[in-house]
Each structure stands twice: as structure tokens, then as C-alpha cells.
Amino acid sequence: MKALLSRQPGGPESLVLEDIPEPVPGRGEVRIAVRAVGVNFPDLLIIQDLYQIKPPRPFAPGGELSGVVETLGEGVTNVKVGDRVLVSPVRSAMAEKAVANAKHCWKIPDSMPFEEAAALLLTYGTSQHALKDRAKLRAGETLLVLGAAGGVGLAAVELGKAMGARVIAAASSAEKLALAREHGADDGVQYPSGSLDKTAARSLTDRFKAVCGPDGAHVIYDAIGGDYSEAALRAIAWAGRHLVVGFTAGIPKLPLNLPLLKGCEIVGVFWGEFTSRYPKVHAANVAELMALYLDGKIKPAVTERFPLSRGGEAIGRLGSRSARGKIVVTMD
């Protein structure tokens, strides 16, 4: 079978497509015939050894996939051969076949395309955990989403609307804001790309305040970090919650007098660790996401598709911050 491998630390160009033996599932595992793989920012970090998890090489990037159960390991009872499933978390997904823990396999309805299934769980799971479990977002509150046109950002927009919030999208281009509005955002703020000096940061804060209203943003969903984090935090409401989700623009340094003056919380969001520590809550959340999908309240925005041979190019799109929605790698 073919797999896209990382044999040494490097960027997307360092990945190589090779023929390797088919993996064999162990006890409690299944082998999946992969149909589609969701591409996420951690894929870019992990191949450079910049992620908190550093798997032994060689490995294939990819942390979520969809496909068909092909072989069962000993003791597997929750799925059967032939089931259509999405799987997350998983290792080495960018391959024609992959082995996964059966506990991480979730059956998908026949009406769900494999590409949408591969784009669902990591982004919507992260955003659902952030808004529901960590921020406890309430109907009628104002939610400000930074990076609103990315995978997790669009998921946060849709879920925020489904939870009854007023959603303000923030993104770096008019095209990205238009996409966020298509997915339910009530209003938007376009911010400049690149680093912000003090004047530009203050101006951005003023625009956030103007759009969010006199109370400010009750919840800030921050998937980009960098200079944008402080600009947004200065526009937070009293007792607001600033969700730390990701750092595509770099890890910010925040003045801690702001949480004091705003009476607000800075809240970390680590979905992967949450799924391991609280599997029953995670299972209930997945069931809720499936219900929202079937009701038409959420729908992954798959905007680009790449074959396995061009998987490195797909990952590179995230590094350039030019991607909109969700990118997937598909098998022939």
C-alpha cells in the first residue's frame, strides 16, 4: 500500500510517497480502508517536530480519517467489517490503509459523504468542547471568532449559532468573511495580516468593540494567537471567557492586568486530552454533533481536495494561512 511518510523533520516538501506493508491491527484495533483524510494545522507542526506529540519515524501525518472497516483485531465488538466510519484521533492517516483503536471509530450515516466525515470530528469536536464544556456559551451572548474562515473557526461559527449566540466573525480578507457569513455569522471584522504595531492593535480593538457592542464579547474563540489575542482580549466583556485554541499566528504574550481589570478568564482548550480523560462525555458530544449534522445545523465546508500524492501540498496550504474551510486528502 502507499503512504505519505515523514522520514526526517521538515516542511511539507520533505514528505515522500512510498510503498509499505499493510498494517496489522492488534487487540482492540481495526484496520481501515481509508477514503479521505482531514488536514489540520497540527499536521504541519508534527512533521517539523514542533508539536507536543513526537511520534517515532517514519510516520504518516494525519489525525482524522474516514473509510470502511476492513479487518477487526481481537476483542472488537463496537464495529464490524464493512462499517462506514470516521476515526479521530488516529495516527498515520495519510495512507491507503490505517490501523486505529476501535474506541475511536464512530459509525457514520450512509447520507454522509466520506469527505465531510473526514472533516467533521477534529474541528467540530474541538469547537464544541471549547464553546460548550469550557466557555459554557449561553444563548444571547456575543461570540467573537478569530480565524473564522478556517476549519475550527467555521465550526465555531456554526456551533455558536446553533447554541443561540450572536456570532462575530474575524478574518483577514473579505472573501473569508463572506464564507463565515454563509455559515451563519451575524457580522464581521476584517483584520490586517501579519504583525500589528501598537497603533494597529488599538485600532483593531476599537473595531472589535464597535461590532461586538457596548458590553464587548462574552466569549472569544482564539484559534490564531499572535498580536490578535491581546487586541481581542481588550474587547472582552466583564466576566468574559477567552478561549485559547491555537497559534497559527504565533504564541502571544498577554499582559495579566487585563484579566484582572476585565474580571475575565483565559481558558485553555485541549480537545485531545479531554477525549482521553472523559470518554463518556466525549461520546455524548459526538452523538450531539451527529444529530446536529443530520438536522442540517452544521456542515463541514470542504473547499479543497488533494490526492494522496499531493498531500504535502495540502498541508502546505495551512502553513501559508491561505486556506478557507477544510482541506481533505482523498484516495483514488
C-alpha atoms as a PDB file:
ATOM      1  CA  MET A   1       0.000   0.000   0.000  1.00  0.00           C
ATOM      2  CA  LYS A   2       1.031   3.628  -0.425  1.00  0.00           C
ATOM      3  CA  ALA A   3       1.651   6.055   2.414  1.00  0.00           C
ATOM      4  CA  LEU A   4       2.914   9.635   2.623  1.00  0.00           C
ATOM      5  CA  LEU A   5       5.809   9.443   5.059  1.00  0.00           C
ATOM      6  CA  SER A   6       7.813  11.811   7.211  1.00  0.00           C
ATOM      7  CA  ARG A   7      11.303  10.300   7.461  1.00  0.00           C
ATOM      8  CA  GLN A   8      13.044  13.392   8.822  1.00  0.00           C
ATOM      9  CA  PRO A   9      11.903  16.695  10.369  1.00  0.00           C
ATOM     10  CA  GLY A  10      10.969  19.257   7.742  1.00  0.00           C
ATOM     11  CA  GLY A  11       8.234  21.092   5.909  1.00  0.00           C
ATOM     12  CA  PRO A  12       5.614  19.606   3.595  1.00  0.00           C
ATOM     13  CA  GLU A  13       8.207  19.242   0.835  1.00  0.00           C
ATOM     14  CA  SER A  14      10.069  16.680   2.977  1.00  0.00           C
ATOM     15  CA  LEU A  15       7.228  14.140   2.775  1.00  0.00           C
ATOM     16  CA  VAL A  16       7.727  11.144   0.475  1.00  0.00           C
ATOM     17  CA  LEU A  17       5.178   8.774  -1.068  1.00  0.00           C
ATOM     18  CA  GLU A  18       6.287   5.165  -0.592  1.00  0.00           C
ATOM     19  CA  ASP A  19       5.023   1.596  -0.757  1.00  0.00           C
ATOM     20  CA  ILE A  20       4.969  -0.010   2.695  1.00  0.00           C
ATOM     21  CA  PRO A  21       3.457  -3.217   4.141  1.00  0.00           C
ATOM     22  CA  GLU A  22      -0.167  -3.143   5.216  1.00  0.00           C
ATOM     23  CA  PRO A  23      -0.549  -2.541   8.965  1.00  0.00           C
ATOM     24  CA  VAL A  24      -1.884  -5.364  11.115  1.00  0.00           C
ATOM     25  CA  PRO A  25      -4.445  -4.494  13.816  1.00  0.00           C
ATOM     26  CA  GLY A  26      -3.722  -5.649  17.338  1.00  0.00           C
ATOM     27  CA  ARG A  27      -6.132  -6.354  20.152  1.00  0.00           C
ATOM     28  CA  GLY A  28      -8.849  -3.708  20.318  1.00  0.00           C
ATOM     29  CA  GLU A  29      -7.829  -2.254  16.953  1.00  0.00           C
ATOM     30  CA  VAL A  30      -9.250  -2.212  13.441  1.00  0.00           C
ATOM     31  CA  ARG A  31      -7.763  -1.701  10.017  1.00  0.00           C
ATOM     32  CA  ILE A  32      -9.488   0.903   7.885  1.00  0.00           C
ATOM     33  CA  ALA A  33      -9.508   1.199   4.107  1.00  0.00           C
ATOM     34  CA  VAL A  34      -9.046   4.975   4.043  1.00  0.00           C
ATOM     35  CA  ARG A  35     -11.283   7.078   1.813  1.00  0.00           C
ATOM     36  CA  ALA A  36     -10.497  10.627   2.998  1.00  0.00           C
ATOM     37  CA  VAL A  37      -8.224  12.373   5.499  1.00  0.00           C
ATOM     38  CA  GLY A  38      -8.862  15.737   7.128  1.00  0.00           C
ATOM     39  CA  VAL A  39      -5.903  18.146   7.027  1.00  0.00           C
ATOM     40  CA  ASN A  40      -5.279  20.164  10.186  1.00  0.00           C
ATOM     41  CA  PHE A  41      -2.687  22.619  11.469  1.00  0.00           C
ATOM     42  CA  PRO A  42      -1.095  20.051  13.813  1.00  0.00           C
ATOM     43  CA  ASP A  43      -0.118  18.079  10.695  1.00  0.00           C
ATOM     44  CA  LEU A  44       2.184  20.947   9.725  1.00  0.00           C
ATOM     45  CA  LEU A  45       3.696  21.112  13.205  1.00  0.00           C
ATOM     46  CA  ILE A  46       4.166  17.398  13.775  1.00  0.00           C
ATOM     47  CA  ILE A  47       6.265  16.825  10.633  1.00  0.00           C
ATOM     48  CA  GLN A  48       8.608  19.597  11.824  1.00  0.00           C
ATOM     49  CA  ASP A  49       8.871  18.185  15.366  1.00  0.00           C
ATOM     50  CA  LEU A  50       7.126  21.326  16.647  1.00  0.00           C
ATOM     51  CA  TYR A  51       4.071  19.594  18.121  1.00  0.00           C
ATOM     52  CA  GLN A  52       3.664  18.373  21.708  1.00  0.00           C
ATOM     53  CA  ILE A  53       3.449  14.800  20.398  1.00  0.00           C
ATOM     54  CA  LYS A  54       6.510  13.455  18.540  1.00  0.00           C
ATOM     55  CA  PRO A  55       5.814  10.002  17.067  1.00  0.00           C
ATOM     56  CA  PRO A  56       8.730   7.762  16.053  1.00  0.00           C
ATOM     57  CA  ARG A  57       9.692   7.935  12.398  1.00  0.00           C
ATOM     58  CA  PRO A  58       8.801   7.033   9.800  1.00  0.00           C
ATOM     59  CA  PHE A  59       5.160   8.076  10.202  1.00  0.00           C
ATOM     60  CA  ALA A  60       2.415   9.476   8.022  1.00  0.00           C
ATOM     61  CA  PRO A  61       0.764  12.741   9.068  1.00  0.00           C
ATOM     62  CA  GLY A  62      -2.986  12.922   9.510  1.00  0.00           C
ATOM     63  CA  GLY A  63      -5.036  12.789  12.697  1.00  0.00           C
ATOM     64  CA  GLU A  64      -8.548  12.103  11.387  1.00  0.00           C
ATOM     65  CA  LEU A  65      -9.912   9.963   8.583  1.00  0.00           C
ATOM     66  CA  SER A  66     -12.986   8.336   7.170  1.00  0.00           C
ATOM     67  CA  GLY A  67     -13.236   4.971   5.477  1.00  0.00           C
ATOM     68  CA  VAL A  68     -14.516   1.419   5.658  1.00  0.00           C
ATOM     69  CA  VAL A  69     -13.657  -1.123   8.354  1.00  0.00           C
ATOM     70  CA  GLU A  70     -11.640  -3.863   6.673  1.00  0.00           C
ATOM     71  CA  THR A  71     -10.224  -6.075   9.431  1.00  0.00           C
ATOM     72  CA  LEU A  72     -11.015  -6.493  13.127  1.00  0.00           C
ATOM     73  CA  GLY A  73      -8.453  -7.150  15.823  1.00  0.00           C
ATOM     74  CA  GLU A  74      -9.200  -9.408  18.772  1.00  0.00           C
ATOM     75  CA  GLY A  75     -11.898  -8.219  21.135  1.00  0.00           C
ATOM     76  CA  VAL A  76     -13.516  -5.574  18.882  1.00  0.00           C
ATOM     77  CA  THR A  77     -17.306  -5.501  19.223  1.00  0.00           C
ATOM     78  CA  ASN A  78     -18.420  -1.909  18.590  1.00  0.00           C
ATOM     79  CA  VAL A  79     -17.891  -2.014  14.798  1.00  0.00           C
ATOM     80  CA  LYS A  80     -17.922  -4.732  12.154  1.00  0.00           C
ATOM     81  CA  VAL A  81     -16.284  -5.321   8.789  1.00  0.00           C
ATOM     82  CA  GLY A  82     -17.908  -3.118   6.138  1.00  0.00           C
ATOM     83  CA  ASP A  83     -18.980  -0.323   8.510  1.00  0.00           C
ATOM     84  CA  ARG A  84     -18.532   3.229   7.248  1.00  0.00           C
ATOM     85  CA  VAL A  85     -16.711   5.138   9.978  1.00  0.00           C
ATOM     86  CA  LEU A  86     -14.889   8.303  10.870  1.00  0.00           C
ATOM     87  CA  VAL A  87     -11.886   7.955  13.122  1.00  0.00           C
ATOM     88  CA  SER A  88     -10.261  10.546  15.385  1.00  0.00           C
ATOM     89  CA  PRO A  89      -7.825  10.666  16.985  1.00  0.00           C
ATOM     90  CA  VAL A  90      -5.704   8.383  14.833  1.00  0.00           C
ATOM     91  CA  ARG A  91      -2.056   8.198  13.783  1.00  0.00           C
ATOM     92  CA  SER A  92      -0.615   7.980  10.256  1.00  0.00           C
ATOM     93  CA  ALA A  93      -3.897   8.625   8.455  1.00  0.00           C
ATOM     94  CA  MET A  94      -2.356   9.736   5.142  1.00  0.00           C
ATOM     95  CA  ALA A  95      -2.100   6.221   3.774  1.00  0.00           C
ATOM     96  CA  GLU A  96      -4.312   3.884   1.797  1.00  0.00           C
ATOM     97  CA  LYS A  97      -4.902   1.836   4.949  1.00  0.00           C
ATOM     98  CA  ALA A  98      -4.551   2.715   8.619  1.00  0.00           C
ATOM     99  CA  VAL A  99      -4.877   0.988  11.985  1.00  0.00           C
ATOM    100  CA  ALA A 100      -6.900   2.676  14.720  1.00  0.00           C
ATOM    101  CA  ASN A 101      -8.177   1.995  18.217  1.00  0.00           C
ATOM    102  CA  ALA A 102     -11.729   0.724  17.791  1.00  0.00           C
ATOM    103  CA  LYS A 103     -12.851   3.059  20.603  1.00  0.00           C
ATOM    104  CA  HIS A 104     -12.001   5.997  18.335  1.00  0.00           C
ATOM    105  CA  CYS A 105     -14.222   4.746  15.492  1.00  0.00           C
ATOM    106  CA  TRP A 106     -17.632   6.322  15.039  1.00  0.00           C
ATOM    107  CA  LYS A 107     -20.196   4.964  12.605  1.00  0.00           C
ATOM    108  CA  ILE A 108     -21.441   7.469  10.044  1.00  0.00           C
ATOM    109  CA  PRO A 109     -24.801   7.534   8.246  1.00  0.00           C
ATOM    110  CA  ASP A 110     -24.992   6.447   4.626  1.00  0.00           C
ATOM    111  CA  SER A 111     -26.006  10.004   3.704  1.00  0.00           C
ATOM    112  CA  MET A 112     -22.694  11.468   4.962  1.00  0.00           C
ATOM    113  CA  PRO A 113     -20.019  11.698   2.230  1.00  0.00           C
ATOM    114  CA  PHE A 114     -16.595  10.388   3.246  1.00  0.00           C
ATOM    115  CA  GLU A 115     -15.029  13.801   2.578  1.00  0.00           C
ATOM    116  CA  GLU A 116     -17.391  15.536   5.001  1.00  0.00           C
ATOM    117  CA  ALA A 117     -16.936  12.777   7.583  1.00  0.00           C
ATOM    118  CA  ALA A 118     -13.151  13.238   7.463  1.00  0.00           C
ATOM    119  CA  ALA A 119     -13.633  16.972   8.023  1.00  0.00           C
ATOM    120  CA  LEU A 120     -16.034  16.725  10.943  1.00  0.00           C
ATOM    121  CA  LEU A 121     -14.744  15.453  14.234  1.00  0.00           C
ATOM    122  CA  LEU A 122     -11.467  17.220  14.977  1.00  0.00           C
ATOM    123  CA  THR A 123     -12.704  20.691  14.033  1.00  0.00           C
ATOM    124  CA  TYR A 124     -16.277  20.449  15.306  1.00  0.00           C
ATOM    125  CA  GLY A 125     -15.203  18.370  18.296  1.00  0.00           C
ATOM    126  CA  THR A 126     -12.638  20.989  19.279  1.00  0.00           C
ATOM    127  CA  SER A 127     -15.068  23.866  18.835  1.00  0.00           C
ATOM    128  CA  GLN A 128     -17.903  22.069  20.587  1.00  0.00           C
ATOM    129  CA  HIS A 129     -15.673  21.267  23.567  1.00  0.00           C
ATOM    130  CA  ALA A 130     -14.450  24.868  23.617  1.00  0.00           C
ATOM    131  CA  LEU A 131     -17.854  26.541  23.480  1.00  0.00           C
ATOM    132  CA  LYS A 132     -19.934  24.025  25.421  1.00  0.00           C
ATOM    133  CA  ASP A 133     -17.602  22.491  28.004  1.00  0.00           C
ATOM    134  CA  ARG A 134     -15.013  25.219  28.551  1.00  0.00           C
ATOM    135  CA  ALA A 135     -16.806  28.536  27.881  1.00  0.00           C
ATOM    136  CA  LYS A 136     -20.341  27.368  28.691  1.00  0.00           C
ATOM    137  CA  LEU A 137     -21.636  29.683  25.978  1.00  0.00           C
ATOM    138  CA  ARG A 138     -25.201  30.797  26.605  1.00  0.00           C
ATOM    139  CA  ALA A 139     -27.942  31.840  24.211  1.00  0.00           C
ATOM    140  CA  GLY A 140     -27.965  35.587  23.668  1.00  0.00           C
ATOM    141  CA  GLU A 141     -24.245  36.044  24.377  1.00  0.00           C
ATOM    142  CA  THR A 142     -21.856  37.575  21.846  1.00  0.00           C
ATOM    143  CA  LEU A 143     -19.197  35.243  20.466  1.00  0.00           C
ATOM    144  CA  LEU A 144     -16.147  36.663  18.676  1.00  0.00           C
ATOM    145  CA  VAL A 145     -14.372  34.094  16.485  1.00  0.00           C
ATOM    146  CA  LEU A 146     -10.797  34.822  15.393  1.00  0.00           C
ATOM    147  CA  GLY A 147      -9.730  32.914  12.289  1.00  0.00           C
ATOM    148  CA  ALA A 148     -13.394  32.451  11.457  1.00  0.00           C
ATOM    149  CA  ALA A 149     -12.839  31.062   7.935  1.00  0.00           C
ATOM    150  CA  GLY A 150     -10.533  28.204   8.989  1.00  0.00           C
ATOM    151  CA  GLY A 151     -11.679  24.698   9.826  1.00  0.00           C
ATOM    152  CA  VAL A 152     -12.153  25.155  13.574  1.00  0.00           C
ATOM    153  CA  GLY A 153     -13.257  28.768  13.082  1.00  0.00           C
ATOM    154  CA  LEU A 154     -16.122  27.912  10.734  1.00  0.00           C
ATOM    155  CA  ALA A 155     -17.116  25.104  13.079  1.00  0.00           C
ATOM    156  CA  ALA A 156     -17.227  27.611  15.938  1.00  0.00           C
ATOM    157  CA  VAL A 157     -19.385  29.961  13.846  1.00  0.00           C
ATOM    158  CA  GLU A 158     -21.920  27.235  13.082  1.00  0.00           C
ATOM    159  CA  LEU A 159     -21.979  25.809  16.591  1.00  0.00           C
ATOM    160  CA  GLY A 160     -22.231  29.278  18.124  1.00  0.00           C
ATOM    161  CA  LYS A 161     -25.314  29.974  16.036  1.00  0.00           C
ATOM    162  CA  ALA A 162     -26.784  26.579  16.911  1.00  0.00           C
ATOM    163  CA  MET A 163     -26.294  27.466  20.600  1.00  0.00           C
ATOM    164  CA  GLY A 164     -28.163  30.750  20.161  1.00  0.00           C
ATOM    165  CA  ALA A 165     -25.245  33.193  20.310  1.00  0.00           C
ATOM    166  CA  ARG A 166     -24.700  36.349  18.284  1.00  0.00           C
ATOM    167  CA  VAL A 167     -21.608  35.465  16.254  1.00  0.00           C
ATOM    168  CA  ILE A 168     -18.994  37.986  15.114  1.00  0.00           C
ATOM    169  CA  ALA A 169     -16.512  36.589  12.589  1.00  0.00           C
ATOM    170  CA  ALA A 170     -12.980  37.979  12.368  1.00  0.00           C
ATOM    171  CA  ALA A 171     -10.734  37.097   9.419  1.00  0.00           C
ATOM    172  CA  SER A 172      -8.008  38.537   7.210  1.00  0.00           C
ATOM    173  CA  SER A 173      -9.941  39.044   3.945  1.00  0.00           C
ATOM    174  CA  ALA A 174     -13.345  39.982   2.623  1.00  0.00           C
ATOM    175  CA  GLU A 175     -13.594  36.557   0.947  1.00  0.00           C
ATOM    176  CA  LYS A 176     -13.030  34.781   4.250  1.00  0.00           C
ATOM    177  CA  LEU A 177     -15.623  36.950   5.985  1.00  0.00           C
ATOM    178  CA  ALA A 178     -18.102  36.186   3.226  1.00  0.00           C
ATOM    179  CA  LEU A 179     -17.583  32.464   3.808  1.00  0.00           C
ATOM    180  CA  ALA A 180     -18.151  32.917   7.549  1.00  0.00           C
ATOM    181  CA  ARG A 181     -21.371  34.820   6.850  1.00  0.00           C
ATOM    182  CA  GLU A 182     -22.522  31.983   4.571  1.00  0.00           C
ATOM    183  CA  HIS A 183     -22.149  29.711   7.580  1.00  0.00           C
ATOM    184  CA  GLY A 184     -24.179  31.923   9.902  1.00  0.00           C
ATOM    185  CA  ALA A 185     -22.017  34.770  11.205  1.00  0.00           C
ATOM    186  CA  ASP A 186     -24.100  37.842  12.086  1.00  0.00           C
ATOM    187  CA  ASP A 187     -21.353  40.401  11.476  1.00  0.00           C
ATOM    188  CA  GLY A 188     -17.653  40.546  10.747  1.00  0.00           C
ATOM    189  CA  VAL A 189     -14.366  42.351  11.299  1.00  0.00           C
ATOM    190  CA  GLN A 190     -11.511  42.208   8.795  1.00  0.00           C
ATOM    191  CA  TYR A 191      -8.086  42.423  10.388  1.00  0.00           C
ATOM    192  CA  PRO A 192      -4.727  43.007   8.683  1.00  0.00           C
ATOM    193  CA  SER A 193      -2.447  40.041   8.073  1.00  0.00           C
ATOM    194  CA  GLY A 194       0.988  39.988   9.671  1.00  0.00           C
ATOM    195  CA  SER A 195       2.211  41.532  12.898  1.00  0.00           C
ATOM    196  CA  LEU A 196       0.472  44.547  14.439  1.00  0.00           C
ATOM    197  CA  ASP A 197       2.184  47.591  15.922  1.00  0.00           C
ATOM    198  CA  LYS A 198       0.571  49.326  18.900  1.00  0.00           C
ATOM    199  CA  THR A 199      -1.445  51.708  16.739  1.00  0.00           C
ATOM    200  CA  ALA A 200      -2.824  48.914  14.531  1.00  0.00           C
ATOM    201  CA  ALA A 201      -3.592  46.764  17.570  1.00  0.00           C
ATOM    202  CA  ARG A 202      -5.501  49.585  19.280  1.00  0.00           C
ATOM    203  CA  SER A 203      -7.416  50.252  16.062  1.00  0.00           C
ATOM    204  CA  LEU A 204      -8.375  46.596  15.827  1.00  0.00           C
ATOM    205  CA  THR A 205      -9.579  46.625  19.439  1.00  0.00           C
ATOM    206  CA  ASP A 206     -11.759  49.633  18.653  1.00  0.00           C
ATOM    207  CA  ARG A 207     -13.291  47.796  15.685  1.00  0.00           C
ATOM    208  CA  PHE A 208     -13.950  44.713  17.793  1.00  0.00           C
ATOM    209  CA  LYS A 209     -15.684  46.863  20.419  1.00  0.00           C
ATOM    210  CA  ALA A 210     -17.757  48.697  17.806  1.00  0.00           C
ATOM    211  CA  VAL A 211     -19.081  45.469  16.276  1.00  0.00           C
ATOM    212  CA  CYS A 212     -19.465  43.469  19.483  1.00  0.00           C
ATOM    213  CA  GLY A 213     -21.394  46.254  21.184  1.00  0.00           C
ATOM    214  CA  PRO A 214     -21.032  48.170  24.450  1.00  0.00           C
ATOM    215  CA  ASP A 215     -20.758  45.034  26.597  1.00  0.00           C
ATOM    216  CA  GLY A 216     -17.971  43.543  24.486  1.00  0.00           C
ATOM    217  CA  ALA A 217     -17.534  39.872  23.533  1.00  0.00           C
ATOM    218  CA  HIS A 218     -18.752  37.464  26.180  1.00  0.00           C
ATOM    219  CA  VAL A 219     -16.704  34.663  24.618  1.00  0.00           C
ATOM    220  CA  ILE A 220     -13.626  34.978  22.378  1.00  0.00           C
ATOM    221  CA  TYR A 221     -12.687  31.930  20.330  1.00  0.00           C
ATOM    222  CA  ASP A 222      -8.991  32.419  19.572  1.00  0.00           C
ATOM    223  CA  ALA A 223      -7.533  29.986  17.065  1.00  0.00           C
ATOM    224  CA  ILE A 224      -4.766  32.271  15.778  1.00  0.00           C
ATOM    225  CA  GLY A 225      -2.911  33.898  18.688  1.00  0.00           C
ATOM    226  CA  GLY A 226      -0.116  36.321  17.777  1.00  0.00           C
ATOM    227  CA  ASP A 227      -0.793  40.027  18.116  1.00  0.00           C
ATOM    228  CA  TYR A 228      -4.514  39.444  17.590  1.00  0.00           C
ATOM    229  CA  SER A 229      -5.020  37.860  21.008  1.00  0.00           C
ATOM    230  CA  GLU A 230      -4.365  40.988  23.050  1.00  0.00           C
ATOM    231  CA  ALA A 231      -6.341  43.163  20.636  1.00  0.00           C
ATOM    232  CA  ALA A 232      -9.326  40.861  21.111  1.00  0.00           C
ATOM    233  CA  LEU A 233      -8.872  40.458  24.875  1.00  0.00           C
ATOM    234  CA  ARG A 234      -9.107  44.227  25.290  1.00  0.00           C
ATOM    235  CA  ALA A 235     -12.602  43.991  23.769  1.00  0.00           C
ATOM    236  CA  ILE A 236     -13.853  41.244  26.084  1.00  0.00           C
ATOM    237  CA  ALA A 237     -16.929  41.692  28.271  1.00  0.00           C
ATOM    238  CA  TRP A 238     -16.824  41.744  32.048  1.00  0.00           C
ATOM    239  CA  ALA A 239     -16.538  38.115  33.231  1.00  0.00           C
ATOM    240  CA  GLY A 240     -15.931  37.035  29.643  1.00  0.00           C
ATOM    241  CA  ARG A 241     -14.085  33.878  28.588  1.00  0.00           C
ATOM    242  CA  HIS A 242     -11.121  33.980  26.207  1.00  0.00           C
ATOM    243  CA  LEU A 243     -10.634  30.511  24.698  1.00  0.00           C
ATOM    244  CA  VAL A 244      -7.057  29.577  23.803  1.00  0.00           C
ATOM    245  CA  VAL A 245      -7.430  27.178  20.861  1.00  0.00           C
ATOM    246  CA  GLY A 246      -4.410  27.595  18.574  1.00  0.00           C
ATOM    247  CA  PHE A 247      -1.469  29.693  17.469  1.00  0.00           C
ATOM    248  CA  THR A 248      -1.335  29.913  13.665  1.00  0.00           C
ATOM    249  CA  ALA A 249      -0.005  33.493  14.051  1.00  0.00           C
ATOM    250  CA  GLY A 250       2.354  32.630  16.916  1.00  0.00           C
ATOM    251  CA  ILE A 251       2.144  32.225  20.692  1.00  0.00           C
ATOM    252  CA  PRO A 252       1.008  35.531  22.259  1.00  0.00           C
ATOM    253  CA  LYS A 253       2.294  37.255  25.388  1.00  0.00           C
ATOM    254  CA  LEU A 254      -0.667  38.710  27.248  1.00  0.00           C
ATOM    255  CA  PRO A 255      -0.488  41.379  29.988  1.00  0.00           C
ATOM    256  CA  LEU A 256      -2.092  39.776  33.023  1.00  0.00           C
ATOM    257  CA  ASN A 257      -3.519  43.063  34.239  1.00  0.00           C
ATOM    258  CA  LEU A 258      -6.237  42.656  31.566  1.00  0.00           C
ATOM    259  CA  PRO A 259      -7.887  39.578  33.163  1.00  0.00           C
ATOM    260  CA  LEU A 260      -7.842  41.468  36.463  1.00  0.00           C
ATOM    261  CA  LEU A 261      -9.423  44.619  35.033  1.00  0.00           C
ATOM    262  CA  LYS A 262     -11.994  42.674  32.993  1.00  0.00           C
ATOM    263  CA  GLY A 263     -12.771  40.069  35.634  1.00  0.00           C
ATOM    264  CA  CYS A 264     -12.394  37.589  32.784  1.00  0.00           C
ATOM    265  CA  GLU A 265     -10.982  34.107  32.319  1.00  0.00           C
ATOM    266  CA  ILE A 266      -8.316  32.844  29.918  1.00  0.00           C
ATOM    267  CA  VAL A 267      -9.322  29.250  29.253  1.00  0.00           C
ATOM    268  CA  GLY A 268      -7.200  26.552  27.615  1.00  0.00           C
ATOM    269  CA  VAL A 269      -8.781  24.165  25.117  1.00  0.00           C
ATOM    270  CA  PHE A 270      -7.036  20.799  24.618  1.00  0.00           C
ATOM    271  CA  TRP A 271      -9.620  18.588  22.925  1.00  0.00           C
ATOM    272  CA  GLY A 272      -7.360  15.560  22.502  1.00  0.00           C
ATOM    273  CA  GLU A 273      -6.549  15.340  26.201  1.00  0.00           C
ATOM    274  CA  PHE A 274     -10.217  15.918  27.067  1.00  0.00           C
ATOM    275  CA  THR A 275     -11.303  12.942  24.913  1.00  0.00           C
ATOM    276  CA  SER A 276      -8.831  10.693  26.745  1.00  0.00           C
ATOM    277  CA  ARG A 277      -9.754  11.851  30.249  1.00  0.00           C
ATOM    278  CA  TYR A 278     -13.541  11.962  29.791  1.00  0.00           C
ATOM    279  CA  PRO A 279     -14.518   9.355  27.167  1.00  0.00           C
ATOM    280  CA  LYS A 280     -18.185   9.187  28.207  1.00  0.00           C
ATOM    281  CA  VAL A 281     -18.620  12.949  27.890  1.00  0.00           C
ATOM    282  CA  HIS A 282     -16.786  12.823  24.570  1.00  0.00           C
ATOM    283  CA  ALA A 283     -19.096  10.067  23.295  1.00  0.00           C
ATOM    284  CA  ALA A 284     -22.146  12.142  24.227  1.00  0.00           C
ATOM    285  CA  ASN A 285     -20.650  15.138  22.427  1.00  0.00           C
ATOM    286  CA  VAL A 286     -20.071  13.084  19.260  1.00  0.00           C
ATOM    287  CA  ALA A 287     -23.682  11.881  19.348  1.00  0.00           C
ATOM    288  CA  GLU A 288     -24.792  15.503  19.652  1.00  0.00           C
ATOM    289  CA  LEU A 289     -22.636  16.512  16.665  1.00  0.00           C
ATOM    290  CA  MET A 290     -24.130  13.728  14.554  1.00  0.00           C
ATOM    291  CA  ALA A 291     -27.628  14.910  15.448  1.00  0.00           C
ATOM    292  CA  LEU A 292     -26.740  18.500  14.515  1.00  0.00           C
ATOM    293  CA  TYR A 293     -25.338  17.276  11.184  1.00  0.00           C
ATOM    294  CA  LEU A 294     -28.439  15.239  10.367  1.00  0.00           C
ATOM    295  CA  ASP A 295     -30.614  18.243  11.303  1.00  0.00           C
ATOM    296  CA  GLY A 296     -28.650  20.418   8.855  1.00  0.00           C
ATOM    297  CA  LYS A 297     -27.370  22.785  11.554  1.00  0.00           C
ATOM    298  CA  ILE A 298     -23.702  22.018  10.852  1.00  0.00           C
ATOM    299  CA  LYS A 299     -21.996  21.031   7.610  1.00  0.00           C
ATOM    300  CA  PRO A 300     -18.226  20.808   7.079  1.00  0.00           C
ATOM    301  CA  ALA A 301     -17.082  23.243   4.381  1.00  0.00           C
ATOM    302  CA  VAL A 302     -14.740  21.105   2.274  1.00  0.00           C
ATOM    303  CA  THR A 303     -13.196  23.722  -0.006  1.00  0.00           C
ATOM    304  CA  GLU A 304     -10.193  21.867  -1.446  1.00  0.00           C
ATOM    305  CA  ARG A 305      -9.368  18.244  -2.245  1.00  0.00           C
ATOM    306  CA  PHE A 306      -5.938  16.764  -2.922  1.00  0.00           C
ATOM    307  CA  PRO A 307      -4.914  13.228  -3.895  1.00  0.00           C
ATOM    308  CA  LEU A 308      -2.564  11.348  -1.575  1.00  0.00           C
ATOM    309  CA  SER A 309       0.380  12.054  -3.869  1.00  0.00           C
ATOM    310  CA  ARG A 310      -0.133  15.793  -3.240  1.00  0.00           C
ATOM    311  CA  GLY A 311      -0.758  15.508   0.497  1.00  0.00           C
ATOM    312  CA  GLY A 312       2.299  17.650   1.245  1.00  0.00           C
ATOM    313  CA  GLU A 313       0.842  20.441  -0.854  1.00  0.00           C
ATOM    314  CA  ALA A 314      -2.415  20.181   1.096  1.00  0.00           C
ATOM    315  CA  ILE A 315      -0.547  20.581   4.399  1.00  0.00           C
ATOM    316  CA  GLY A 316       1.421  23.487   2.939  1.00  0.00           C
ATOM    317  CA  ARG A 317      -1.810  25.366   2.277  1.00  0.00           C
ATOM    318  CA  LEU A 318      -2.315  25.619   6.041  1.00  0.00           C
ATOM    319  CA  GLY A 319       1.198  26.946   6.541  1.00  0.00           C
ATOM    320  CA  SER A 320       0.571  29.814   4.125  1.00  0.00           C
ATOM    321  CA  ARG A 321      -2.660  30.747   6.006  1.00  0.00           C
ATOM    322  CA  SER A 322      -4.413  30.883   2.635  1.00  0.00           C
ATOM    323  CA  ALA A 323      -6.804  28.007   3.283  1.00  0.00           C
ATOM    324  CA  ARG A 324     -10.516  28.534   3.738  1.00  0.00           C
ATOM    325  CA  GLY A 325     -12.768  25.950   5.323  1.00  0.00           C
ATOM    326  CA  LYS A 326     -11.467  22.393   5.433  1.00  0.00           C
ATOM    327  CA  ILE A 327      -8.955  20.697   3.153  1.00  0.00           C
ATOM    328  CA  VAL A 328      -9.081  16.937   2.668  1.00  0.00           C
ATOM    329  CA  VAL A 329      -6.770  14.376   1.104  1.00  0.00           C
ATOM    330  CA  THR A 330      -8.659  11.685  -0.819  1.00  0.00           C
ATOM    331  CA  MET A 331      -7.750   8.186  -2.002  1.00  0.00           C
ATOM    332  CA  ASP A 332      -8.349   7.057  -5.573  1.00  0.00           C
END
